[in-house]
Amino acid sequence: MSKHTYKVIEIVGSSPTSVEDAISGAIEDASKTVRNIRWFEVVETRGHVENGKVAHYQVTLKIGFTLEE
């Protein structure tokens, strides 16, 4: 494995469907402006409740990307 230096940023994704969709959407959106994304970590999960049912999922992610030389 070669030597890497990573930068870590925090983003928040949301979805009315699922936690997985919130994660996927956040990573897809971040990859439009952040290059070299290598990993992510879910640091918080929460949601919105309406009429006794889950209406929205929200996840906070840390994403790591390699710095360019």
PDB file of N, CA and C in Angstrom:
ATOM      1  N   MET A   1       0.839  -1.177   0.000  1.00  0.00           N
ATOM      2  CA  MET A   1       0.000   0.000   0.000  1.00  0.00           C
ATOM      3  C   MET A   1       0.884   1.240   0.000  1.00  0.00           C
ATOM      4  N   SER A   2       0.569   2.168  -0.886  1.00  0.00           N
ATOM      5  CA  SER A   2       1.375   3.377  -0.952  1.00  0.00           C
ATOM      6  C   SER A   2       0.962   4.360   0.138  1.00  0.00           C
ATOM      7  N   LYS A   3       1.826   5.302   0.392  1.00  0.00           N
ATOM      8  CA  LYS A   3       1.592   6.300   1.433  1.00  0.00           C
ATOM      9  C   LYS A   3       0.584   7.342   0.937  1.00  0.00           C
ATOM     10  N   HIS A   4      -0.401   7.654   1.778  1.00  0.00           N
ATOM     11  CA  HIS A   4      -1.404   8.661   1.429  1.00  0.00           C
ATOM     12  C   HIS A   4      -1.581   9.632   2.581  1.00  0.00           C
ATOM     13  N   THR A   5      -1.924  10.862   2.235  1.00  0.00           N
ATOM     14  CA  THR A   5      -2.373  11.837   3.204  1.00  0.00           C
ATOM     15  C   THR A   5      -3.815  12.163   2.855  1.00  0.00           C
ATOM     16  N   TYR A   6      -4.685  12.135   3.874  1.00  0.00           N
ATOM     17  CA  TYR A   6      -6.107  12.351   3.657  1.00  0.00           C
ATOM     18  C   TYR A   6      -6.575  13.660   4.263  1.00  0.00           C
ATOM     19  N   LYS A   7      -7.537  14.265   3.625  1.00  0.00           N
ATOM     20  CA  LYS A   7      -8.285  15.396   4.173  1.00  0.00           C
ATOM     21  C   LYS A   7      -9.661  14.849   4.518  1.00  0.00           C
ATOM     22  N   VAL A   8     -10.229  15.282   5.645  1.00  0.00           N
ATOM     23  CA  VAL A   8     -11.539  14.810   6.083  1.00  0.00           C
ATOM     24  C   VAL A   8     -12.486  16.004   6.173  1.00  0.00           C
ATOM     25  N   ILE A   9     -13.679  15.850   5.576  1.00  0.00           N
ATOM     26  CA  ILE A   9     -14.711  16.868   5.689  1.00  0.00           C
ATOM     27  C   ILE A   9     -15.995  16.204   6.168  1.00  0.00           C
ATOM     28  N   GLU A  10     -16.909  17.009   6.652  1.00  0.00           N
ATOM     29  CA  GLU A  10     -18.177  16.483   7.140  1.00  0.00           C
ATOM     30  C   GLU A  10     -19.305  16.992   6.250  1.00  0.00           C
ATOM     31  N   ILE A  11     -20.200  16.093   5.858  1.00  0.00           N
ATOM     32  CA  ILE A  11     -21.345  16.448   5.030  1.00  0.00           C
ATOM     33  C   ILE A  11     -22.595  15.820   5.635  1.00  0.00           C
ATOM     34  N   VAL A  12     -23.760  16.300   5.221  1.00  0.00           N
ATOM     35  CA  VAL A  12     -25.035  15.754   5.689  1.00  0.00           C
ATOM     36  C   VAL A  12     -25.875  15.410   4.473  1.00  0.00           C
ATOM     37  N   GLY A  13     -26.380  14.171   4.445  1.00  0.00           N
ATOM     38  CA  GLY A  13     -27.256  13.730   3.373  1.00  0.00           C
ATOM     39  C   GLY A  13     -28.640  13.436   3.921  1.00  0.00           C
ATOM     40  N   SER A  14     -29.653  13.554   3.072  1.00  0.00           N
ATOM     41  CA  SER A  14     -31.008  13.276   3.519  1.00  0.00           C
ATOM     42  C   SER A  14     -31.791  12.554   2.433  1.00  0.00           C
ATOM     43  N   SER A  15     -32.827  11.823   2.870  1.00  0.00           N
ATOM     44  CA  SER A  15     -33.669  11.078   1.948  1.00  0.00           C
ATOM     45  C   SER A  15     -35.006  10.755   2.613  1.00  0.00           C
ATOM     46  N   PRO A  16     -36.086  10.813   1.858  1.00  0.00           N
ATOM     47  CA  PRO A  16     -37.370  10.381   2.408  1.00  0.00           C
ATOM     48  C   PRO A  16     -37.526   8.856   2.370  1.00  0.00           C
ATOM     49  N   THR A  17     -36.580   8.168   1.716  1.00  0.00           N
ATOM     50  CA  THR A  17     -36.696   6.730   1.484  1.00  0.00           C
ATOM     51  C   THR A  17     -35.974   5.872   2.516  1.00  0.00           C
ATOM     52  N   SER A  18     -34.649   6.133   2.726  1.00  0.00           N
ATOM     53  CA  SER A  18     -33.863   5.274   3.617  1.00  0.00           C
ATOM     54  C   SER A  18     -32.545   5.925   3.997  1.00  0.00           C
ATOM     55  N   VAL A  19     -31.929   5.365   5.025  1.00  0.00           N
ATOM     56  CA  VAL A  19     -30.597   5.800   5.438  1.00  0.00           C
ATOM     57  C   VAL A  19     -29.605   5.544   4.305  1.00  0.00           C
ATOM     58  N   GLU A  20     -29.725   4.381   3.659  1.00  0.00           N
ATOM     59  CA  GLU A  20     -28.808   4.034   2.567  1.00  0.00           C
ATOM     60  C   GLU A  20     -28.899   5.037   1.421  1.00  0.00           C
ATOM     61  N   ASP A  21     -30.114   5.466   1.091  1.00  0.00           N
ATOM     62  CA  ASP A  21     -30.275   6.471   0.037  1.00  0.00           C
ATOM     63  C   ASP A  21     -29.679   7.817   0.451  1.00  0.00           C
ATOM     64  N   ALA A  22     -29.806   8.155   1.718  1.00  0.00           N
ATOM     65  CA  ALA A  22     -29.221   9.402   2.209  1.00  0.00           C
ATOM     66  C   ALA A  22     -27.697   9.366   2.091  1.00  0.00           C
ATOM     67  N   ILE A  23     -27.105   8.213   2.425  1.00  0.00           N
ATOM     68  CA  ILE A  23     -25.651   8.052   2.303  1.00  0.00           C
ATOM     69  C   ILE A  23     -25.225   8.129   0.845  1.00  0.00           C
ATOM     70  N   SER A  24     -25.882   7.340   0.003  1.00  0.00           N
ATOM     71  CA  SER A  24     -25.519   7.294  -1.420  1.00  0.00           C
ATOM     72  C   SER A  24     -25.659   8.657  -2.080  1.00  0.00           C
ATOM     73  N   GLY A  25     -26.745   9.338  -1.787  1.00  0.00           N
ATOM     74  CA  GLY A  25     -26.963  10.660  -2.374  1.00  0.00           C
ATOM     75  C   GLY A  25     -25.914  11.660  -1.938  1.00  0.00           C
ATOM     76  N   ALA A  26     -25.545  11.620  -0.664  1.00  0.00           N
ATOM     77  CA  ALA A  26     -24.532  12.540  -0.160  1.00  0.00           C
ATOM     78  C   ALA A  26     -23.181  12.295  -0.828  1.00  0.00           C
ATOM     79  N   ILE A  27     -22.792  11.023  -0.956  1.00  0.00           N
ATOM     80  CA  ILE A  27     -21.516  10.689  -1.596  1.00  0.00           C
ATOM     81  C   ILE A  27     -21.529  11.091  -3.070  1.00  0.00           C
ATOM     82  N   GLU A  28     -22.637  10.806  -3.760  1.00  0.00           N
ATOM     83  CA  GLU A  28     -22.734  11.178  -5.174  1.00  0.00           C
ATOM     84  C   GLU A  28     -22.630  12.689  -5.355  1.00  0.00           C
ATOM     85  N   ASP A  29     -23.336  13.447  -4.509  1.00  0.00           N
ATOM     86  CA  ASP A  29     -23.279  14.908  -4.622  1.00  0.00           C
ATOM     87  C   ASP A  29     -21.886  15.438  -4.296  1.00  0.00           C
ATOM     88  N   ALA A  30     -21.266  14.915  -3.245  1.00  0.00           N
ATOM     89  CA  ALA A  30     -19.924  15.371  -2.867  1.00  0.00           C
ATOM     90  C   ALA A  30     -18.909  15.078  -3.968  1.00  0.00           C
ATOM     91  N   SER A  31     -19.064  13.930  -4.637  1.00  0.00           N
ATOM     92  CA  SER A  31     -18.094  13.550  -5.667  1.00  0.00           C
ATOM     93  C   SER A  31     -18.144  14.462  -6.893  1.00  0.00           C
ATOM     94  N   LYS A  32     -19.176  15.295  -6.993  1.00  0.00           N
ATOM     95  CA  LYS A  32     -19.253  16.254  -8.104  1.00  0.00           C
ATOM     96  C   LYS A  32     -18.249  17.388  -7.932  1.00  0.00           C
ATOM     97  N   THR A  33     -17.859  17.668  -6.675  1.00  0.00           N
ATOM     98  CA  THR A  33     -16.929  18.779  -6.441  1.00  0.00           C
ATOM     99  C   THR A  33     -15.678  18.380  -5.660  1.00  0.00           C
ATOM    100  N   VAL A  34     -15.677  17.189  -5.077  1.00  0.00           N
ATOM    101  CA  VAL A  34     -14.517  16.720  -4.311  1.00  0.00           C
ATOM    102  C   VAL A  34     -13.908  15.533  -5.052  1.00  0.00           C
ATOM    103  N   ARG A  35     -12.633  15.643  -5.387  1.00  0.00           N
ATOM    104  CA  ARG A  35     -11.953  14.554  -6.098  1.00  0.00           C
ATOM    105  C   ARG A  35     -11.314  13.585  -5.113  1.00  0.00           C
ATOM    106  N   ASN A  36     -11.096  12.376  -5.557  1.00  0.00           N
ATOM    107  CA  ASN A  36     -10.323  11.355  -4.836  1.00  0.00           C
ATOM    108  C   ASN A  36     -10.952  10.906  -3.510  1.00  0.00           C
ATOM    109  N   ILE A  37     -12.286  10.857  -3.440  1.00  0.00           N
ATOM    110  CA  ILE A  37     -12.946  10.356  -2.230  1.00  0.00           C
ATOM    111  C   ILE A  37     -12.605   8.878  -2.084  1.00  0.00           C
ATOM    112  N   ARG A  38     -12.151   8.489  -0.888  1.00  0.00           N
ATOM    113  CA  ARG A  38     -11.709   7.112  -0.654  1.00  0.00           C
ATOM    114  C   ARG A  38     -12.540   6.370   0.378  1.00  0.00           C
ATOM    115  N   TRP A  39     -13.132   7.081   1.342  1.00  0.00           N
ATOM    116  CA  TRP A  39     -13.889   6.390   2.389  1.00  0.00           C
ATOM    117  C   TRP A  39     -14.895   7.328   3.025  1.00  0.00           C
ATOM    118  N   PHE A  40     -15.829   6.735   3.754  1.00  0.00           N
ATOM    119  CA  PHE A  40     -16.773   7.525   4.526  1.00  0.00           C
ATOM    120  C   PHE A  40     -17.058   6.835   5.851  1.00  0.00           C
ATOM    121  N   GLU A  41     -17.530   7.633   6.808  1.00  0.00           N
ATOM    122  CA  GLU A  41     -17.908   7.130   8.121  1.00  0.00           C
ATOM    123  C   GLU A  41     -19.212   7.824   8.519  1.00  0.00           C
ATOM    124  N   VAL A  42     -20.217   7.045   8.892  1.00  0.00           N
ATOM    125  CA  VAL A  42     -21.464   7.619   9.385  1.00  0.00           C
ATOM    126  C   VAL A  42     -21.254   7.981  10.853  1.00  0.00           C
ATOM    127  N   VAL A  43     -21.391   9.267  11.185  1.00  0.00           N
ATOM    128  CA  VAL A  43     -21.152   9.707  12.554  1.00  0.00           C
ATOM    129  C   VAL A  43     -22.442  10.027  13.301  1.00  0.00           C
ATOM    130  N   GLU A  44     -23.543  10.214  12.573  1.00  0.00           N
ATOM    131  CA  GLU A  44     -24.811  10.490  13.221  1.00  0.00           C
ATOM    132  C   GLU A  44     -25.954  10.130  12.283  1.00  0.00           C
ATOM    133  N   THR A  45     -27.001   9.561  12.845  1.00  0.00           N
ATOM    134  CA  THR A  45     -28.209   9.247  12.096  1.00  0.00           C
ATOM    135  C   THR A  45     -29.394   9.834  12.855  1.00  0.00           C
ATOM    136  N   ARG A  46     -30.255  10.513  12.140  1.00  0.00           N
ATOM    137  CA  ARG A  46     -31.456  11.059  12.767  1.00  0.00           C
ATOM    138  C   ARG A  46     -32.567  11.108  11.729  1.00  0.00           C
ATOM    139  N   GLY A  47     -33.756  11.450  12.164  1.00  0.00           N
ATOM    140  CA  GLY A  47     -34.867  11.497  11.230  1.00  0.00           C
ATOM    141  C   GLY A  47     -35.958  12.428  11.684  1.00  0.00           C
ATOM    142  N   HIS A  48     -36.911  12.590  10.815  1.00  0.00           N
ATOM    143  CA  HIS A  48     -38.057  13.455  11.049  1.00  0.00           C
ATOM    144  C   HIS A  48     -39.300  12.573  11.080  1.00  0.00           C
ATOM    145  N   VAL A  49     -40.170  12.801  12.073  1.00  0.00           N
ATOM    146  CA  VAL A  49     -41.380  11.997  12.239  1.00  0.00           C
ATOM    147  C   VAL A  49     -42.610  12.865  11.989  1.00  0.00           C
ATOM    148  N   GLU A  50     -43.519  12.326  11.172  1.00  0.00           N
ATOM    149  CA  GLU A  50     -44.802  12.985  10.922  1.00  0.00           C
ATOM    150  C   GLU A  50     -45.911  11.968  11.109  1.00  0.00           C
ATOM    151  N   ASN A  51     -46.916  12.320  11.883  1.00  0.00           N
ATOM    152  CA  ASN A  51     -48.074  11.446  12.118  1.00  0.00           C
ATOM    153  C   ASN A  51     -47.664  10.056  12.585  1.00  0.00           C
ATOM    154  N   GLY A  52     -46.659   9.996  13.439  1.00  0.00           N
ATOM    155  CA  GLY A  52     -46.231   8.725  14.010  1.00  0.00           C
ATOM    156  C   GLY A  52     -45.418   7.837  13.088  1.00  0.00           C
ATOM    157  N   LYS A  53     -44.982   8.360  11.944  1.00  0.00           N
ATOM    158  CA  LYS A  53     -44.191   7.565  10.989  1.00  0.00           C
ATOM    159  C   LYS A  53     -42.937   8.333  10.580  1.00  0.00           C
ATOM    160  N   VAL A  54     -41.917   7.583  10.221  1.00  0.00           N
ATOM    161  CA  VAL A  54     -40.684   8.208   9.744  1.00  0.00           C
ATOM    162  C   VAL A  54     -40.966   8.873   8.400  1.00  0.00           C
ATOM    163  N   ALA A  55     -40.685  10.167   8.330  1.00  0.00           N
ATOM    164  CA  ALA A  55     -40.928  10.925   7.107  1.00  0.00           C
ATOM    165  C   ALA A  55     -39.639  11.246   6.351  1.00  0.00           C
ATOM    166  N   HIS A  56     -38.514  11.277   7.080  1.00  0.00           N
ATOM    167  CA  HIS A  56     -37.261  11.683   6.447  1.00  0.00           C
ATOM    168  C   HIS A  56     -36.083  11.145   7.244  1.00  0.00           C
ATOM    169  N   TYR A  57     -35.052  10.688   6.559  1.00  0.00           N
ATOM    170  CA  TYR A  57     -33.814  10.215   7.181  1.00  0.00           C
ATOM    171  C   TYR A  57     -32.718  11.230   6.903  1.00  0.00           C
ATOM    172  N   GLN A  58     -31.859  11.443   7.891  1.00  0.00           N
ATOM    173  CA  GLN A  58     -30.741  12.362   7.712  1.00  0.00           C
ATOM    174  C   GLN A  58     -29.503  11.736   8.347  1.00  0.00           C
ATOM    175  N   VAL A  59     -28.386  11.751   7.623  1.00  0.00           N
ATOM    176  CA  VAL A  59     -27.140  11.181   8.123  1.00  0.00           C
ATOM    177  C   VAL A  59     -26.012  12.198   7.998  1.00  0.00           C
ATOM    178  N   THR A  60     -25.180  12.237   9.014  1.00  0.00           N
ATOM    179  CA  THR A  60     -23.968  13.049   8.974  1.00  0.00           C
ATOM    180  C   THR A  60     -22.813  12.106   8.670  1.00  0.00           C
ATOM    181  N   LEU A  61     -22.032  12.454   7.665  1.00  0.00           N
ATOM    182  CA  LEU A  61     -20.915  11.621   7.217  1.00  0.00           C
ATOM    183  C   LEU A  61     -19.608  12.387   7.314  1.00  0.00           C
ATOM    184  N   LYS A  62     -18.554  11.694   7.662  1.00  0.00           N
ATOM    185  CA  LYS A  62     -17.204  12.192   7.451  1.00  0.00           C
ATOM    186  C   LYS A  62     -16.729  11.487   6.190  1.00  0.00           C
ATOM    187  N   ILE A  63     -16.189  12.246   5.248  1.00  0.00           N
ATOM    188  CA  ILE A  63     -15.617  11.624   4.067  1.00  0.00           C
ATOM    189  C   ILE A  63     -14.141  11.978   3.994  1.00  0.00           C
ATOM    190  N   GLY A  64     -13.355  10.993   3.601  1.00  0.00           N
ATOM    191  CA  GLY A  64     -11.920  11.170   3.463  1.00  0.00           C
ATOM    192  C   GLY A  64     -11.522  11.100   1.999  1.00  0.00           C
ATOM    193  N   PHE A  65     -10.648  11.995   1.616  1.00  0.00           N
ATOM    194  CA  PHE A  65     -10.142  11.975   0.247  1.00  0.00           C
ATOM    195  C   PHE A  65      -8.648  12.241   0.259  1.00  0.00           C
ATOM    196  N   THR A  66      -7.970  11.680  -0.721  1.00  0.00           N
ATOM    197  CA  THR A  66      -6.525  11.859  -0.802  1.00  0.00           C
ATOM    198  C   THR A  66      -6.192  13.220  -1.391  1.00  0.00           C
ATOM    199  N   LEU A  67      -5.131  13.805  -0.874  1.00  0.00           N
ATOM    200  CA  LEU A  67      -4.657  15.079  -1.396  1.00  0.00           C
ATOM    201  C   LEU A  67      -3.845  14.830  -2.652  1.00  0.00           C
ATOM    202  N   GLU A  68      -3.958  15.744  -3.596  1.00  0.00           N
ATOM    203  CA  GLU A  68      -3.186  15.626  -4.824  1.00  0.00           C
ATOM    204  C   GLU A  68      -1.771  16.120  -4.575  1.00  0.00           C
ATOM    205  N   GLU A  69      -0.838  15.515  -5.279  1.00  0.00           N
ATOM    206  CA  GLU A  69       0.566  15.916  -5.098  1.00  0.00           C
ATOM    207  C   GLU A  69       0.876  17.183  -5.820  1.00  0.00           C
TER     208      GLU A  69
END
